[in-house]
PDB file of N, CA and C in Angstrom:
ATOM      1  N   MET A   1     -17.181 -15.231   8.831  1.00  0.00           N
ATOM      2  CA  MET A   1     -17.785 -14.158   8.482  1.00  0.00           C
ATOM      3  C   MET A   1     -18.899 -14.604   7.422  1.00  0.00           C
ATOM      4  N   GLY A   2     -20.248 -14.043   7.600  1.00  0.00           N
ATOM      5  CA  GLY A   2     -21.386 -14.395   6.695  1.00  0.00           C
ATOM      6  C   GLY A   2     -21.629 -13.751   5.595  1.00  0.00           C
ATOM      7  N   ASN A   3     -22.601 -13.640   4.901  1.00  0.00           N
ATOM      8  CA  ASN A   3     -22.535 -13.212   3.420  1.00  0.00           C
ATOM      9  C   ASN A   3     -23.383 -11.760   3.848  1.00  0.00           C
ATOM     10  N   LEU A   4     -23.794 -11.812   5.081  1.00  0.00           N
ATOM     11  CA  LEU A   4     -24.654 -10.073   5.229  1.00  0.00           C
ATOM     12  C   LEU A   4     -23.676  -9.349   5.815  1.00  0.00           C
ATOM     13  N   VAL A   5     -23.323  -8.034   5.182  1.00  0.00           N
ATOM     14  CA  VAL A   5     -22.829  -6.979   5.900  1.00  0.00           C
ATOM     15  C   VAL A   5     -23.646  -5.784   6.520  1.00  0.00           C
ATOM     16  N   ARG A   6     -23.289  -5.523   7.791  1.00  0.00           N
ATOM     17  CA  ARG A   6     -24.245  -4.473   8.040  1.00  0.00           C
ATOM     18  C   ARG A   6     -23.561  -2.913   7.109  1.00  0.00           C
ATOM     19  N   GLY A   7     -24.878  -2.428   7.091  1.00  0.00           N
ATOM     20  CA  GLY A   7     -24.388  -1.014   6.375  1.00  0.00           C
ATOM     21  C   GLY A   7     -24.374   0.491   7.626  1.00  0.00           C
ATOM     22  N   ASN A   8     -24.012   1.296   7.011  1.00  0.00           N
ATOM     23  CA  ASN A   8     -23.389   2.262   7.661  1.00  0.00           C
ATOM     24  C   ASN A   8     -24.666   2.670   8.763  1.00  0.00           C
ATOM     25  N   ASP A   9     -26.155   2.548   8.391  1.00  0.00           N
ATOM     26  CA  ASP A   9     -27.031   2.813   9.751  1.00  0.00           C
ATOM     27  C   ASP A   9     -27.641   1.605   9.795  1.00  0.00           C
ATOM     28  N   GLY A  10     -26.955   0.632  10.281  1.00  0.00           N
ATOM     29  CA  GLY A  10     -27.143  -0.461  10.970  1.00  0.00           C
ATOM     30  C   GLY A  10     -27.973  -1.634  10.304  1.00  0.00           C
ATOM     31  N   SER A  11     -28.552  -1.217   8.935  1.00  0.00           N
ATOM     32  CA  SER A  11     -29.183  -2.388   8.384  1.00  0.00           C
ATOM     33  C   SER A  11     -28.779  -3.204   7.825  1.00  0.00           C
ATOM     34  N   ILE A  12     -28.821  -4.607   7.199  1.00  0.00           N
ATOM     35  CA  ILE A  12     -28.039  -5.618   7.241  1.00  0.00           C
ATOM     36  C   ILE A  12     -28.360  -5.355   5.194  1.00  0.00           C
ATOM     37  N   GLU A  13     -27.094  -5.161   4.794  1.00  0.00           N
ATOM     38  CA  GLU A  13     -27.004  -5.037   3.109  1.00  0.00           C
ATOM     39  C   GLU A  13     -27.100  -6.469   2.188  1.00  0.00           C
ATOM     40  N   SER A  14     -27.347  -6.635   0.818  1.00  0.00           N
ATOM     41  CA  SER A  14     -28.037  -7.506   0.731  1.00  0.00           C
ATOM     42  C   SER A  14     -26.805  -8.136   0.125  1.00  0.00           C
ATOM     43  N   PRO A  15     -26.692  -9.360  -0.052  1.00  0.00           N
ATOM     44  CA  PRO A  15     -25.251 -10.635  -0.710  1.00  0.00           C
ATOM     45  C   PRO A  15     -24.829 -10.034  -1.770  1.00  0.00           C
ATOM     46  N   GLU A  16     -25.682  -9.335  -2.808  1.00  0.00           N
ATOM     47  CA  GLU A  16     -25.315  -9.314  -4.226  1.00  0.00           C
ATOM     48  C   GLU A  16     -24.459  -8.061  -3.360  1.00  0.00           C
ATOM     49  N   ILE A  17     -24.903  -7.001  -2.759  1.00  0.00           N
ATOM     50  CA  ILE A  17     -24.249  -5.991  -2.646  1.00  0.00           C
ATOM     51  C   ILE A  17     -22.689  -6.135  -2.059  1.00  0.00           C
ATOM     52  N   SER A  18     -22.725  -7.008  -0.920  1.00  0.00           N
ATOM     53  CA  SER A  18     -21.236  -7.457  -0.585  1.00  0.00           C
ATOM     54  C   SER A  18     -20.313  -8.427  -1.634  1.00  0.00           C
ATOM     55  N   ALA A  19     -20.922  -8.710  -2.653  1.00  0.00           N
ATOM     56  CA  ALA A  19     -20.416  -9.685  -3.334  1.00  0.00           C
ATOM     57  C   ALA A  19     -19.799  -8.451  -4.651  1.00  0.00           C
ATOM     58  N   ASP A  20     -20.219  -7.532  -4.946  1.00  0.00           N
ATOM     59  CA  ASP A  20     -19.505  -7.013  -5.870  1.00  0.00           C
ATOM     60  C   ASP A  20     -18.791  -5.902  -4.449  1.00  0.00           C
ATOM     61  N   PHE A  21     -18.847  -5.308  -3.510  1.00  0.00           N
ATOM     62  CA  PHE A  21     -17.969  -4.801  -3.134  1.00  0.00           C
ATOM     63  C   PHE A  21     -16.618  -6.000  -2.988  1.00  0.00           C
ATOM     64  N   ALA A  22     -16.989  -7.286  -2.917  1.00  0.00           N
ATOM     65  CA  ALA A  22     -15.432  -7.908  -2.839  1.00  0.00           C
ATOM     66  C   ALA A  22     -14.852  -7.838  -4.231  1.00  0.00           C
ATOM     67  N   VAL A  23     -15.599  -7.948  -5.256  1.00  0.00           N
ATOM     68  CA  VAL A  23     -14.803  -7.638  -6.543  1.00  0.00           C
ATOM     69  C   VAL A  23     -14.058  -6.839  -6.894  1.00  0.00           C
ATOM     70  N   MET A  24     -14.744  -5.514  -6.322  1.00  0.00           N
ATOM     71  CA  MET A  24     -14.385  -4.125  -6.503  1.00  0.00           C
ATOM     72  C   MET A  24     -12.960  -4.348  -5.441  1.00  0.00           C
ATOM     73  N   SER A  25     -12.935  -4.679  -3.781  1.00  0.00           N
ATOM     74  CA  SER A  25     -11.666  -5.059  -3.592  1.00  0.00           C
ATOM     75  C   SER A  25     -10.549  -6.146  -3.723  1.00  0.00           C
ATOM     76  N   VAL A  26     -10.823  -6.635  -4.974  1.00  0.00           N
ATOM     77  CA  VAL A  26     -10.214  -7.436  -5.646  1.00  0.00           C
ATOM     78  C   VAL A  26      -8.830  -7.164  -6.490  1.00  0.00           C
ATOM     79  N   LYS A  27     -10.326  -6.228  -7.292  1.00  0.00           N
ATOM     80  CA  LYS A  27      -9.609  -5.213  -8.490  1.00  0.00           C
ATOM     81  C   LYS A  27      -8.493  -4.425  -7.895  1.00  0.00           C
ATOM     82  N   LEU A  28      -9.086  -3.692  -7.001  1.00  0.00           N
ATOM     83  CA  LEU A  28      -8.286  -2.496  -6.219  1.00  0.00           C
ATOM     84  C   LEU A  28      -6.650  -3.342  -5.823  1.00  0.00           C
ATOM     85  N   LEU A  29      -6.982  -4.207  -5.136  1.00  0.00           N
ATOM     86  CA  LEU A  29      -5.740  -5.342  -4.542  1.00  0.00           C
ATOM     87  C   LEU A  29      -4.401  -5.245  -5.955  1.00  0.00           C
ATOM     88  N   ARG A  30      -5.617  -6.225  -7.183  1.00  0.00           N
ATOM     89  CA  ARG A  30      -4.943  -6.681  -7.804  1.00  0.00           C
ATOM     90  C   ARG A  30      -4.013  -5.041  -8.782  1.00  0.00           C
ATOM     91  N   ALA A  31      -4.571  -4.066  -8.942  1.00  0.00           N
ATOM     92  CA  ALA A  31      -4.080  -2.801  -9.244  1.00  0.00           C
ATOM     93  C   ALA A  31      -2.948  -2.365  -8.678  1.00  0.00           C
ATOM     94  N   ALA A  32      -3.131  -2.490  -7.636  1.00  0.00           N
ATOM     95  CA  ALA A  32      -1.472  -1.891  -5.952  1.00  0.00           C
ATOM     96  C   ALA A  32      -0.617  -2.756  -6.435  1.00  0.00           C
ATOM     97  N   ILE A  33      -1.118  -4.774  -6.482  1.00  0.00           N
ATOM     98  CA  ILE A  33       0.281  -5.523  -6.391  1.00  0.00           C
ATOM     99  C   ILE A  33       0.937  -5.406  -8.104  1.00  0.00           C
ATOM    100  N   LEU A  34       0.577  -5.086  -9.198  1.00  0.00           N
ATOM    101  CA  LEU A  34       0.644  -5.793 -10.437  1.00  0.00           C
ATOM    102  C   LEU A  34       1.857  -4.381 -10.243  1.00  0.00           C
ATOM    103  N   PRO A  35       1.827  -3.268 -10.312  1.00  0.00           N
ATOM    104  CA  PRO A  35       3.182  -2.262 -10.402  1.00  0.00           C
ATOM    105  C   PRO A  35       4.556  -2.764  -9.238  1.00  0.00           C
ATOM    106  N   ILE A  36       3.783  -3.251  -8.613  1.00  0.00           N
ATOM    107  CA  ILE A  36       4.928  -3.808  -7.427  1.00  0.00           C
ATOM    108  C   ILE A  36       5.871  -4.796  -8.331  1.00  0.00           C
ATOM    109  N   ARG A  37       5.677  -5.508  -8.625  1.00  0.00           N
ATOM    110  CA  ARG A  37       5.914  -6.267  -9.672  1.00  0.00           C
ATOM    111  C   ARG A  37       7.000  -6.248 -10.574  1.00  0.00           C
TER     112      ARG A  37
END
């Protein structure tokens, strides 16, 4: 997958926004995994 992600309106989001979304996803995953351990 490339750095660019298509938005809901079909436009291409900037890599910075994609990076921020990736960081949020990682934080959510960690928050979901920690209670299990």
